[in-house]
N, C-alpha and C. Protein backbone atom coordinates (compact mmCIF):
# COMPACT_ATOMS: atom_id res chain seq x y z
N MET A 1 101.19 116.52 65.31
CA MET A 1 100.42 117.14 66.04
C MET A 1 99.88 116.15 67.31
N LYS A 2 99.51 115.11 66.86
CA LYS A 2 99.38 113.92 67.78
C LYS A 2 100.38 113.77 68.93
N ASN A 3 101.41 113.69 68.49
CA ASN A 3 102.65 113.44 69.48
C ASN A 3 102.85 114.66 70.46
N ILE A 4 102.53 115.97 69.93
CA ILE A 4 102.77 116.92 70.72
C ILE A 4 101.63 117.23 71.89
N ARG A 5 100.37 116.81 71.37
CA ARG A 5 99.41 116.88 72.30
C ARG A 5 99.66 115.56 73.39
N ASN A 6 100.12 114.55 73.04
CA ASN A 6 100.23 113.42 74.07
C ASN A 6 101.41 113.72 75.00
N GLN A 7 102.62 114.22 74.43
CA GLN A 7 103.82 114.85 75.18
C GLN A 7 103.29 115.83 76.15
N GLY A 8 102.52 116.59 75.73
CA GLY A 8 101.99 117.92 76.84
C GLY A 8 101.31 117.29 77.71
N PHE A 9 100.26 116.45 77.56
CA PHE A 9 99.49 115.82 78.49
C PHE A 9 100.32 114.86 79.55
N LEU A 10 101.17 114.10 79.00
CA LEU A 10 102.01 113.27 79.84
C LEU A 10 102.98 114.12 80.82
N LEU A 11 103.49 115.13 80.41
CA LEU A 11 104.32 116.08 80.96
C LEU A 11 103.34 116.83 82.10
N PHE A 12 102.10 117.06 81.93
CA PHE A 12 101.23 117.79 82.65
C PHE A 12 100.99 116.51 83.88
N ALA A 13 100.96 115.51 83.71
CA ALA A 13 100.48 114.39 84.56
C ALA A 13 101.75 114.18 85.33
N ALA A 14 103.11 114.17 84.81
CA ALA A 14 104.33 114.14 85.47
C ALA A 14 104.62 115.13 86.45
N ALA A 15 104.25 116.36 86.12
CA ALA A 15 104.22 117.43 86.98
C ALA A 15 103.25 117.29 88.33
N LEU A 16 102.19 116.78 88.00
CA LEU A 16 101.06 116.86 89.23
C LEU A 16 101.81 115.31 90.03
N ILE A 17 102.32 114.42 89.42
CA ILE A 17 102.89 113.35 90.30
C ILE A 17 103.86 113.83 91.20
N LEU A 18 104.87 114.72 90.48
CA LEU A 18 105.96 115.23 91.25
C LEU A 18 105.33 116.09 92.62
N LEU A 19 104.17 116.85 92.18
CA LEU A 19 103.70 117.72 93.27
C LEU A 19 103.03 116.91 94.34
N ASP A 20 102.45 115.74 93.80
CA ASP A 20 101.81 114.93 94.92
C ASP A 20 102.93 114.34 95.92
N GLN A 21 103.96 113.83 95.10
CA GLN A 21 105.16 113.24 96.00
C GLN A 21 105.83 114.16 97.04
N ALA A 22 106.16 115.37 96.28
CA ALA A 22 106.98 116.50 97.03
C ALA A 22 106.00 116.82 98.28
N THR A 23 104.71 116.96 98.19
CA THR A 23 103.85 117.35 99.30
C THR A 23 103.80 116.16 100.63
N LYS A 24 103.83 115.09 99.96
CA LYS A 24 103.62 113.77 100.80
C LYS A 24 105.09 113.69 101.65
N ILE A 25 106.12 113.67 100.96
CA ILE A 25 107.33 113.73 101.50
C ILE A 25 107.59 114.78 102.38
N TRP A 26 107.29 116.06 102.14
CA TRP A 26 107.40 117.22 103.18
C TRP A 26 106.57 116.91 104.35
N VAL A 27 105.45 116.22 104.32
CA VAL A 27 104.65 116.03 105.48
C VAL A 27 105.17 114.64 106.19
N LYS A 28 105.73 113.67 105.54
CA LYS A 28 106.17 112.69 106.32
C LYS A 28 107.64 112.70 106.75
N GLY A 29 108.21 113.60 106.00
CA GLY A 29 109.90 113.79 106.42
C GLY A 29 110.85 112.79 105.42
N PHE A 30 111.95 113.03 105.81
CA PHE A 30 113.04 112.28 104.89
C PHE A 30 114.36 112.56 105.31
N ASN A 31 115.29 111.59 105.01
CA ASN A 31 116.72 111.94 105.17
C ASN A 31 117.32 111.32 104.03
N LEU A 32 117.73 112.17 103.15
CA LEU A 32 118.47 111.64 101.88
C LEU A 32 119.53 112.39 101.43
N PHE A 33 120.65 111.74 101.11
CA PHE A 33 121.94 112.28 100.54
C PHE A 33 122.41 113.50 101.63
N GLY A 34 122.04 113.27 103.00
CA GLY A 34 122.64 114.24 104.10
C GLY A 34 121.55 115.39 104.18
N TRP A 35 120.54 115.55 103.58
CA TRP A 35 119.59 116.35 103.82
C TRP A 35 118.43 115.74 104.67
N ASN A 36 118.06 116.50 105.77
CA ASN A 36 117.21 115.67 106.90
C ASN A 36 115.89 116.90 106.81
N HIS A 37 114.87 116.34 106.81
CA HIS A 37 113.73 117.07 107.03
C HIS A 37 112.60 115.98 107.98
N ASP A 38 112.49 116.51 109.25
CA ASP A 38 111.72 115.69 110.16
C ASP A 38 110.30 115.26 109.72
N GLY A 39 109.64 116.55 109.00
CA GLY A 39 108.45 116.31 108.75
C GLY A 39 107.33 116.47 109.94
N MET A 40 106.25 115.84 109.80
CA MET A 40 105.05 116.08 110.94
C MET A 40 105.03 114.69 111.57
N THR A 41 104.42 114.58 112.71
CA THR A 41 104.40 113.26 113.57
C THR A 41 103.00 112.71 113.22
N LEU A 42 102.77 111.46 113.21
CA LEU A 42 101.45 110.91 112.74
C LEU A 42 100.29 111.66 113.60
N TYR A 43 99.26 112.14 112.91
CA TYR A 43 98.14 112.63 113.52
C TYR A 43 98.31 114.08 113.81
N GLU A 44 99.33 114.66 113.82
CA GLU A 44 99.74 116.03 113.97
C GLU A 44 98.88 116.96 112.95
N SER A 45 98.17 118.29 113.47
CA SER A 45 97.59 119.03 112.53
C SER A 45 98.07 120.37 112.78
N ILE A 46 98.01 120.98 111.43
CA ILE A 46 98.48 122.36 111.39
C ILE A 46 97.48 123.13 110.60
N SER A 47 96.95 124.29 111.41
CA SER A 47 95.93 125.12 110.73
C SER A 47 96.58 125.94 109.62
N VAL A 48 95.84 125.85 108.49
CA VAL A 48 96.13 126.73 107.40
C VAL A 48 95.16 127.84 107.06
N VAL A 49 94.01 127.59 107.19
CA VAL A 49 92.70 128.70 107.28
C VAL A 49 91.87 128.39 108.35
N GLY A 50 92.22 129.01 109.54
CA GLY A 50 91.22 128.63 110.84
C GLY A 50 91.14 126.96 110.98
N ASP A 51 89.92 126.80 111.31
CA ASP A 51 89.55 125.31 111.22
C ASP A 51 89.15 124.94 110.13
N ALA A 52 88.98 125.55 109.09
CA ALA A 52 88.37 125.15 107.83
C ALA A 52 89.39 124.26 107.07
N ILE A 53 90.52 124.64 106.97
CA ILE A 53 91.43 123.87 106.24
C ILE A 53 92.65 123.77 106.99
N ARG A 54 92.92 122.50 107.31
CA ARG A 54 94.21 122.22 107.91
C ARG A 54 94.98 121.11 107.38
N ILE A 55 96.24 120.86 107.70
CA ILE A 55 97.17 119.90 107.27
C ILE A 55 97.32 118.79 108.32
N THR A 56 96.72 117.86 108.18
CA THR A 56 96.68 116.70 109.12
C THR A 56 97.16 115.53 108.53
N TYR A 57 98.24 115.05 109.11
CA TYR A 57 99.15 114.00 108.70
C TYR A 57 98.50 112.56 109.16
N VAL A 58 97.87 111.83 108.33
CA VAL A 58 97.42 110.46 108.55
C VAL A 58 97.90 109.49 107.46
N GLU A 59 98.01 108.36 107.72
CA GLU A 59 98.26 107.20 106.64
C GLU A 59 97.40 106.31 106.51
N ASN A 60 96.97 105.85 105.25
CA ASN A 60 95.93 104.96 104.84
C ASN A 60 96.67 103.66 104.23
N ALA A 61 96.35 102.46 104.85
CA ALA A 61 97.06 101.05 104.57
C ALA A 61 96.09 100.65 103.47
N GLY A 62 95.02 101.17 103.25
CA GLY A 62 93.94 100.50 102.10
C GLY A 62 93.70 101.31 101.02
N MET A 63 92.58 101.39 100.51
CA MET A 63 92.05 102.24 99.53
C MET A 63 91.53 103.70 100.06
N ALA A 64 90.85 104.32 99.22
CA ALA A 64 90.25 105.50 99.63
C ALA A 64 89.33 105.44 100.72
N PHE A 65 89.54 106.63 101.65
CA PHE A 65 88.73 106.64 102.80
C PHE A 65 89.00 105.59 103.80
N GLY A 66 90.15 104.98 103.83
CA GLY A 66 90.81 104.21 104.68
C GLY A 66 90.02 102.80 104.65
N ILE A 67 89.39 102.37 103.60
CA ILE A 67 88.98 101.01 103.23
C ILE A 67 90.23 100.22 102.80
N SER A 68 90.31 98.98 103.92
CA SER A 68 91.59 98.28 103.72
C SER A 68 91.15 96.79 103.44
N PHE A 69 91.76 96.00 102.59
CA PHE A 69 91.80 94.79 102.17
C PHE A 69 92.67 93.70 102.91
N GLY A 70 93.32 94.42 104.02
CA GLY A 70 94.01 93.44 104.90
C GLY A 70 95.02 92.58 103.98
N ALA A 71 95.20 91.47 104.16
CA ALA A 71 96.14 90.58 103.53
C ALA A 71 96.11 90.92 101.98
N GLY A 72 95.07 91.29 101.42
CA GLY A 72 94.60 91.43 99.74
C GLY A 72 95.58 92.94 99.52
N LYS A 73 96.26 93.43 100.21
CA LYS A 73 96.82 94.72 99.91
C LYS A 73 97.83 94.46 98.74
N ILE A 74 98.30 93.58 98.62
CA ILE A 74 99.20 93.02 97.44
C ILE A 74 98.70 93.03 96.26
N PHE A 75 97.32 92.61 96.17
CA PHE A 75 96.62 92.54 95.02
C PHE A 75 95.96 93.91 94.66
N LEU A 76 95.87 94.98 95.59
CA LEU A 76 95.51 96.35 95.41
C LEU A 76 96.76 97.02 94.67
N SER A 77 97.87 96.72 95.31
CA SER A 77 98.95 97.28 94.64
C SER A 77 99.31 96.80 93.17
N LEU A 78 99.09 95.56 93.06
CA LEU A 78 99.38 95.12 91.60
C LEU A 78 98.31 95.65 90.73
N PHE A 79 97.00 95.74 91.06
CA PHE A 79 95.96 96.15 90.29
C PHE A 79 96.25 97.75 89.87
N SER A 80 96.80 98.27 91.22
CA SER A 80 97.05 99.85 90.77
C SER A 80 98.15 99.98 89.77
N ILE A 81 99.03 99.19 89.53
CA ILE A 81 100.41 99.24 88.74
C ILE A 81 99.62 98.84 87.32
N ALA A 82 98.86 97.83 87.14
CA ALA A 82 98.21 97.57 86.04
C ALA A 82 97.36 98.70 85.37
N ALA A 83 96.60 99.37 86.36
CA ALA A 83 95.91 100.62 85.97
C ALA A 83 96.43 101.58 85.44
N SER A 84 97.69 101.91 85.92
CA SER A 84 98.71 102.93 85.79
C SER A 84 99.35 102.95 84.44
N VAL A 85 99.76 101.65 84.02
CA VAL A 85 100.27 101.19 82.77
C VAL A 85 99.33 101.48 81.73
N ALA A 86 98.19 100.96 82.13
CA ALA A 86 97.04 100.75 80.96
C ALA A 86 96.79 102.31 80.61
N LEU A 87 96.62 103.22 81.58
CA LEU A 87 96.14 104.63 81.47
C LEU A 87 97.66 105.33 80.62
N ALA A 88 98.58 104.96 80.93
CA ALA A 88 99.82 105.53 80.45
C ALA A 88 99.61 105.23 78.93
N TRP A 89 99.68 103.78 78.53
CA TRP A 89 99.48 103.52 77.36
C TRP A 89 98.19 104.05 76.36
N TYR A 90 97.27 104.10 77.08
CA TYR A 90 95.91 104.88 76.58
C TYR A 90 96.21 106.16 76.23
N LEU A 91 96.76 106.89 76.95
CA LEU A 91 96.79 108.39 76.87
C LEU A 91 97.98 108.65 75.95
N ALA A 92 98.94 107.71 75.92
CA ALA A 92 100.20 108.04 74.69
C ALA A 92 99.72 107.64 73.55
N ARG A 93 99.09 106.43 73.22
CA ARG A 93 98.91 106.07 72.00
C ARG A 93 97.80 106.59 71.16
N LEU A 94 96.42 106.76 72.00
CA LEU A 94 95.56 107.29 71.26
C LEU A 94 95.29 108.83 70.89
N ASP A 95 94.79 109.24 69.86
CA ASP A 95 94.72 110.43 69.42
C ASP A 95 93.42 111.09 70.00
N ILE A 96 93.34 111.65 71.25
CA ILE A 96 92.14 112.21 71.84
C ILE A 96 92.25 113.71 71.44
N LYS A 97 91.43 114.09 70.76
CA LYS A 97 91.53 115.53 70.31
C LYS A 97 91.00 116.43 71.18
N HIS A 98 89.79 115.93 71.95
CA HIS A 98 89.09 116.84 73.04
C HIS A 98 89.89 116.96 74.15
N VAL A 99 90.27 118.35 74.45
CA VAL A 99 91.07 118.76 75.64
C VAL A 99 90.55 117.97 77.08
N GLY A 100 89.08 118.27 77.27
CA GLY A 100 88.65 117.82 78.40
C GLY A 100 88.65 116.41 78.72
N ALA A 101 88.65 115.63 77.64
CA ALA A 101 88.72 114.12 77.76
C ALA A 101 89.96 113.80 78.02
N ARG A 102 91.07 114.42 77.15
CA ARG A 102 92.38 114.04 77.43
C ARG A 102 92.90 114.54 78.95
N LEU A 103 92.19 115.68 79.30
CA LEU A 103 92.64 116.15 80.66
C LEU A 103 92.19 115.05 81.65
N ALA A 104 90.83 114.73 81.51
CA ALA A 104 90.37 113.62 82.46
C ALA A 104 91.40 112.42 82.69
N LEU A 105 91.67 111.90 81.52
CA LEU A 105 92.73 110.69 81.77
C LEU A 105 94.01 111.04 82.13
N ALA A 106 94.52 112.43 81.94
CA ALA A 106 95.92 112.70 82.69
C ALA A 106 95.68 112.83 84.00
N LEU A 107 94.55 113.28 84.47
CA LEU A 107 94.32 113.64 86.00
C LEU A 107 94.33 112.11 86.81
N ILE A 108 93.49 111.26 86.09
CA ILE A 108 93.23 109.96 86.55
C ILE A 108 94.51 109.13 86.70
N PHE A 109 95.41 109.46 85.41
CA PHE A 109 96.77 108.53 85.43
C PHE A 109 97.42 109.08 86.61
N ALA A 110 97.59 110.53 86.89
CA ALA A 110 98.65 110.99 87.81
C ALA A 110 98.11 110.63 88.88
N GLY A 111 96.85 110.74 89.51
CA GLY A 111 96.26 110.44 90.73
C GLY A 111 96.86 108.93 91.17
N ALA A 112 96.26 108.05 90.10
CA ALA A 112 96.39 106.53 90.33
C ALA A 112 97.96 106.26 90.64
N THR A 113 98.86 106.96 89.69
CA THR A 113 100.46 106.71 89.73
C THR A 113 100.92 107.30 91.09
N GLY A 114 100.42 108.45 91.56
CA GLY A 114 100.95 109.19 92.81
C GLY A 114 100.79 108.23 93.94
N ASN A 115 99.49 107.65 94.16
CA ASN A 115 99.25 106.81 95.28
C ASN A 115 99.84 105.54 95.18
N LEU A 116 100.09 105.03 93.74
CA LEU A 116 100.75 103.80 93.63
C LEU A 116 102.27 103.82 94.23
N ILE A 117 102.97 104.86 93.90
CA ILE A 117 104.15 105.09 94.39
C ILE A 117 104.36 104.84 96.07
N ASP A 118 103.25 105.36 96.70
CA ASP A 118 103.17 105.17 98.11
C ASP A 118 103.15 103.84 98.44
N ARG A 119 102.29 103.11 97.82
CA ARG A 119 101.86 101.79 98.30
C ARG A 119 103.06 100.88 97.79
N VAL A 120 103.78 100.99 96.83
CA VAL A 120 104.84 100.10 96.35
C VAL A 120 106.09 100.39 97.12
N PHE A 121 106.59 101.72 97.22
CA PHE A 121 107.90 101.94 97.66
C PHE A 121 107.95 102.36 99.19
N TYR A 122 107.07 103.03 99.66
CA TYR A 122 107.24 103.67 100.88
C TYR A 122 107.47 102.92 101.91
N GLY A 123 106.95 101.74 101.86
CA GLY A 123 107.21 100.69 103.04
C GLY A 123 108.95 100.61 103.35
N VAL A 124 109.42 100.56 102.04
CA VAL A 124 110.81 100.08 101.82
C VAL A 124 111.74 101.45 102.05
N PHE A 125 111.23 102.50 101.51
CA PHE A 125 112.08 103.60 101.71
C PHE A 125 112.00 104.23 103.11
N TYR A 126 110.92 103.97 103.79
CA TYR A 126 111.00 104.39 105.13
C TYR A 126 111.22 103.35 106.13
N GLY A 127 111.60 102.17 105.71
CA GLY A 127 111.69 101.13 106.72
C GLY A 127 110.65 100.75 107.47
N GLU A 128 109.51 100.70 106.98
CA GLU A 128 108.23 100.48 107.55
C GLU A 128 107.45 99.13 107.17
N GLY A 129 107.94 98.59 106.07
CA GLY A 129 107.53 97.38 105.73
C GLY A 129 108.04 96.85 104.43
N GLN A 130 107.47 95.81 103.68
CA GLN A 130 107.86 95.28 102.46
C GLN A 130 107.72 96.02 101.19
N LEU A 131 108.24 95.68 100.17
CA LEU A 131 107.78 96.29 98.73
C LEU A 131 106.27 96.06 98.58
N PHE A 132 105.50 96.81 98.26
CA PHE A 132 104.02 96.62 97.99
C PHE A 132 103.25 96.96 99.17
N TYR A 133 103.95 97.37 100.30
CA TYR A 133 103.16 97.20 101.40
C TYR A 133 103.27 98.57 102.25
N GLY A 134 103.44 99.64 101.21
CA GLY A 134 103.62 100.92 102.08
C GLY A 134 102.28 101.48 102.25
N LYS A 135 102.26 102.61 103.09
CA LYS A 135 100.97 103.38 103.31
C LYS A 135 100.76 104.63 102.65
N VAL A 136 99.70 104.91 102.11
CA VAL A 136 99.51 106.26 101.43
C VAL A 136 99.37 107.43 102.33
N VAL A 137 100.27 108.47 102.01
CA VAL A 137 100.04 109.69 102.94
C VAL A 137 99.05 110.54 102.69
N ASP A 138 98.23 110.72 103.65
CA ASP A 138 97.10 111.84 103.40
C ASP A 138 97.36 113.03 104.24
N PHE A 139 96.98 114.25 103.87
CA PHE A 139 97.12 115.42 104.69
C PHE A 139 96.20 116.55 104.59
N LEU A 140 95.46 116.50 103.54
CA LEU A 140 94.49 117.73 103.21
C LEU A 140 93.11 117.44 104.14
N ASP A 141 92.96 118.31 104.99
CA ASP A 141 91.91 118.25 106.00
C ASP A 141 91.03 119.41 106.01
N VAL A 142 89.61 119.14 105.33
CA VAL A 142 88.90 120.18 104.92
C VAL A 142 87.82 120.19 105.80
N ASP A 143 87.11 121.09 106.36
CA ASP A 143 85.83 121.15 106.96
C ASP A 143 84.63 121.15 106.13
N MET A 144 83.57 120.64 106.49
CA MET A 144 82.36 120.65 105.70
C MET A 144 81.19 120.70 106.68
N PRO A 145 79.96 120.83 106.25
CA PRO A 145 78.68 120.92 107.11
C PRO A 145 78.50 119.62 107.61
N ASP A 146 78.18 119.50 108.97
CA ASP A 146 77.99 118.25 109.67
C ASP A 146 76.74 117.46 108.95
N PHE A 147 76.82 116.22 108.99
CA PHE A 147 75.69 115.24 108.56
C PHE A 147 75.93 114.03 109.22
N SER A 148 74.75 113.18 109.20
CA SER A 148 74.69 112.06 109.58
C SER A 148 74.57 111.03 108.53
N LEU A 149 75.11 109.79 108.33
CA LEU A 149 74.96 108.77 107.41
C LEU A 149 74.88 107.16 107.98
N PHE A 150 73.93 106.61 108.13
CA PHE A 150 73.92 105.12 108.48
C PHE A 150 74.32 105.08 109.93
N GLY A 151 73.78 106.17 110.76
CA GLY A 151 73.95 106.36 112.13
C GLY A 151 75.20 106.95 112.57
N ARG A 152 76.23 107.20 111.65
CA ARG A 152 77.35 107.84 111.92
C ARG A 152 77.43 109.20 111.46
N GLU A 153 78.07 110.11 112.59
CA GLU A 153 78.25 111.47 112.44
C GLU A 153 79.61 111.93 111.54
N TYR A 154 79.37 112.84 110.62
CA TYR A 154 80.55 113.30 110.01
C TYR A 154 80.59 114.76 110.26
N LEU A 155 81.81 115.06 110.82
CA LEU A 155 82.09 116.47 110.99
C LEU A 155 83.21 117.24 110.04
N ARG A 156 83.98 116.48 109.49
CA ARG A 156 84.86 116.89 108.41
C ARG A 156 85.09 115.77 107.31
N PHE A 157 85.48 116.39 106.29
CA PHE A 157 85.67 115.47 105.16
C PHE A 157 86.84 114.51 105.36
N TRP A 158 86.77 113.36 104.50
CA TRP A 158 88.10 112.27 104.95
C TRP A 158 89.36 113.24 104.54
N VAL A 159 90.42 112.92 105.24
CA VAL A 159 91.64 113.52 104.83
C VAL A 159 91.95 112.95 103.57
N PHE A 160 92.66 113.75 102.74
CA PHE A 160 92.97 113.27 101.42
C PHE A 160 94.14 113.91 101.02
N ASN A 161 94.75 113.58 99.60
CA ASN A 161 96.01 114.16 99.10
C ASN A 161 95.83 114.72 97.74
N VAL A 162 97.05 115.16 97.29
CA VAL A 162 96.83 115.67 95.77
C VAL A 162 96.49 114.48 94.76
N ALA A 163 96.99 113.48 94.96
CA ALA A 163 96.64 112.32 94.03
C ALA A 163 94.99 111.94 94.22
N ASP A 164 94.51 112.09 95.26
CA ASP A 164 93.00 111.74 95.46
C ASP A 164 92.17 112.80 94.74
N SER A 165 92.70 114.12 94.70
CA SER A 165 92.09 115.31 94.14
C SER A 165 92.08 115.02 92.77
N CYS A 166 93.31 114.72 92.19
CA CYS A 166 93.37 114.30 90.83
C CYS A 166 92.39 113.34 90.21
N VAL A 167 92.26 112.28 90.87
CA VAL A 167 91.55 111.20 90.52
C VAL A 167 89.90 111.71 90.55
N SER A 168 89.82 112.51 91.62
CA SER A 168 88.31 112.91 91.70
C SER A 168 87.91 113.91 90.58
N VAL A 169 88.80 114.75 90.37
CA VAL A 169 88.46 115.71 89.23
C VAL A 169 88.24 115.06 87.83
N GLY A 170 89.25 114.15 87.65
CA GLY A 170 89.50 113.27 86.53
C GLY A 170 88.05 112.44 86.29
N MET A 171 87.63 111.78 87.28
CA MET A 171 86.42 111.10 87.15
C MET A 171 85.03 112.19 86.74
N VAL A 172 85.06 113.24 87.37
CA VAL A 172 84.12 114.07 86.81
C VAL A 172 84.31 114.53 85.56
N LEU A 173 85.31 115.04 85.16
CA LEU A 173 85.64 115.28 83.79
C LEU A 173 85.27 114.12 82.67
N MET A 174 85.68 113.00 83.07
CA MET A 174 85.34 111.80 82.34
C MET A 174 83.83 111.37 82.17
N LEU A 175 83.26 111.71 83.25
CA LEU A 175 81.66 111.59 82.95
C LEU A 175 81.16 112.76 82.16
N LEU A 176 81.69 113.89 82.17
CA LEU A 176 81.27 114.98 81.26
C LEU A 176 81.82 114.75 79.88
N PHE A 177 82.72 114.22 79.46
CA PHE A 177 83.27 114.16 78.17
C PHE A 177 83.43 112.72 77.73
N ASN A 178 82.88 111.88 78.40
CA ASN A 178 83.01 110.45 77.95
C ASN A 178 82.83 109.99 76.37
N LYS A 179 81.82 110.87 75.92
CA LYS A 179 81.68 110.55 74.38
C LYS A 179 82.72 110.87 73.52
N HIS A 180 83.82 111.79 74.02
CA HIS A 180 84.91 111.99 73.27
C HIS A 180 86.00 111.27 73.33
N LEU A 181 85.90 110.26 74.28
CA LEU A 181 86.82 108.99 74.36
C LEU A 181 86.72 108.02 73.19
N PRO A 182 87.93 107.49 72.57
CA PRO A 182 87.68 106.51 71.29
C PRO A 182 86.61 105.41 71.49
N ILE A 183 86.66 104.74 72.74
CA ILE A 183 85.92 103.67 73.06
C ILE A 183 84.47 104.00 73.10
N PHE A 184 84.14 105.27 73.51
CA PHE A 184 82.81 105.72 73.68
C PHE A 184 82.26 106.12 72.49
N GLN A 185 83.09 106.84 71.58
CA GLN A 185 82.95 107.32 70.45
C GLN A 185 82.43 106.18 69.37
N GLU A 186 83.26 105.08 69.39
CA GLU A 186 82.80 103.92 68.68
C GLU A 186 81.29 103.54 68.88
N LYS A 187 80.98 103.48 70.50
CA LYS A 187 79.66 103.17 70.70
C LYS A 187 78.56 103.91 70.42
N HIS A 188 78.95 105.36 70.59
CA HIS A 188 77.86 106.27 70.06
C HIS A 188 77.69 106.15 68.49
N SER A 189 78.83 106.04 67.85
CA SER A 189 78.69 106.01 66.39
C SER A 189 77.92 104.76 65.77
N SER A 190 78.10 103.74 66.51
CA SER A 190 77.49 102.38 66.13
C SER A 190 76.15 102.45 66.30
N VAL A 191 75.75 103.26 67.33
CA VAL A 191 74.16 103.14 67.72
C VAL A 191 73.37 104.30 66.65
N SER A 192 74.34 105.27 66.38
CA SER A 192 73.65 106.39 65.64
C SER A 192 73.71 105.96 64.09
N THR A 193 74.57 105.20 63.82
CA THR A 193 74.57 104.80 62.12
C THR A 193 74.14 103.26 61.85
N GLU A 194 73.53 102.77 62.82
CA GLU A 194 73.17 101.31 62.53
C GLU A 194 71.89 101.32 61.47
N PRO A 195 72.08 100.77 60.33
CA PRO A 195 70.98 100.87 59.45
C PRO A 195 69.66 100.22 59.76
N ILE A 196 68.69 100.84 59.01
CA ILE A 196 67.45 100.38 59.14
C ILE A 196 66.89 99.64 58.01
N GLY A 197 66.64 98.32 58.13
CA GLY A 197 66.57 97.51 56.97
C GLY A 197 65.08 96.76 56.98
N ASP A 198 64.83 95.92 56.03
CA ASP A 198 63.93 95.00 55.80
C ASP A 198 64.16 93.65 56.41
N ASP A 199 63.15 93.22 57.30
CA ASP A 199 63.79 91.73 57.82
C ASP A 199 63.37 90.69 56.87
N GLY A 200 62.98 90.98 55.86
CA GLY A 200 62.43 89.98 54.82
C GLY A 200 61.01 89.53 54.70
N ALA A 201 60.27 89.99 55.76
CA ALA A 201 58.77 89.70 55.80
C ALA A 201 58.14 91.08 55.47
N GLY A 202 58.59 91.90 55.03
CA GLY A 202 58.03 93.08 54.46
C GLY A 202 57.84 93.91 55.88
N ASN A 203 58.71 93.81 57.11
CA ASN A 203 58.65 94.70 58.04
C ASN A 203 59.73 95.33 58.08
N VAL A 204 59.73 96.64 58.51
CA VAL A 204 60.92 97.41 58.69
C VAL A 204 61.56 97.11 60.07
N ALA A 205 62.91 96.75 60.04
CA ALA A 205 63.45 96.62 61.39
C ALA A 205 63.86 97.85 62.23
């Protein structure tokens, strides 16, 4: 039963990774095995639902929301690889029975791996840079209520992709169901079952 659960959620994560990569390649374009798709030009925007939802092609050389480490990008790529491998091992080896907790891990793994593929391979695949120096493709452009933060005005949400959505939803689920993850289960168990004893001086500890 454990193996069936593990395989099911790993397949679910794999399907999300394929969806993430298919949408990014469709936006960026490709020429593979004689099949050419021009894709969109950088910063081109296509309306989906009026101005509320648009497909806007941008590239992110750093982390989420355009945060960049400059020369430290190689460390970000290597960290992403380590995180993805650790999550894959965690998801495959541990018997997490709670659907919400397992779904959270599967979503985070899919999102981390989806953006990792961009960072590691896109530079080489598109002839734009070295291995580990690719740029993440973002394209989901959603309107939101205008607001100001630290003197800067925001009119739309940051452009994101399928992988970003997976990580965001997965983190919310993890916050909701963290007590069902083994490492947190042990913590809750140790707190609730810690014995109350005598300290030797007649006082109850």
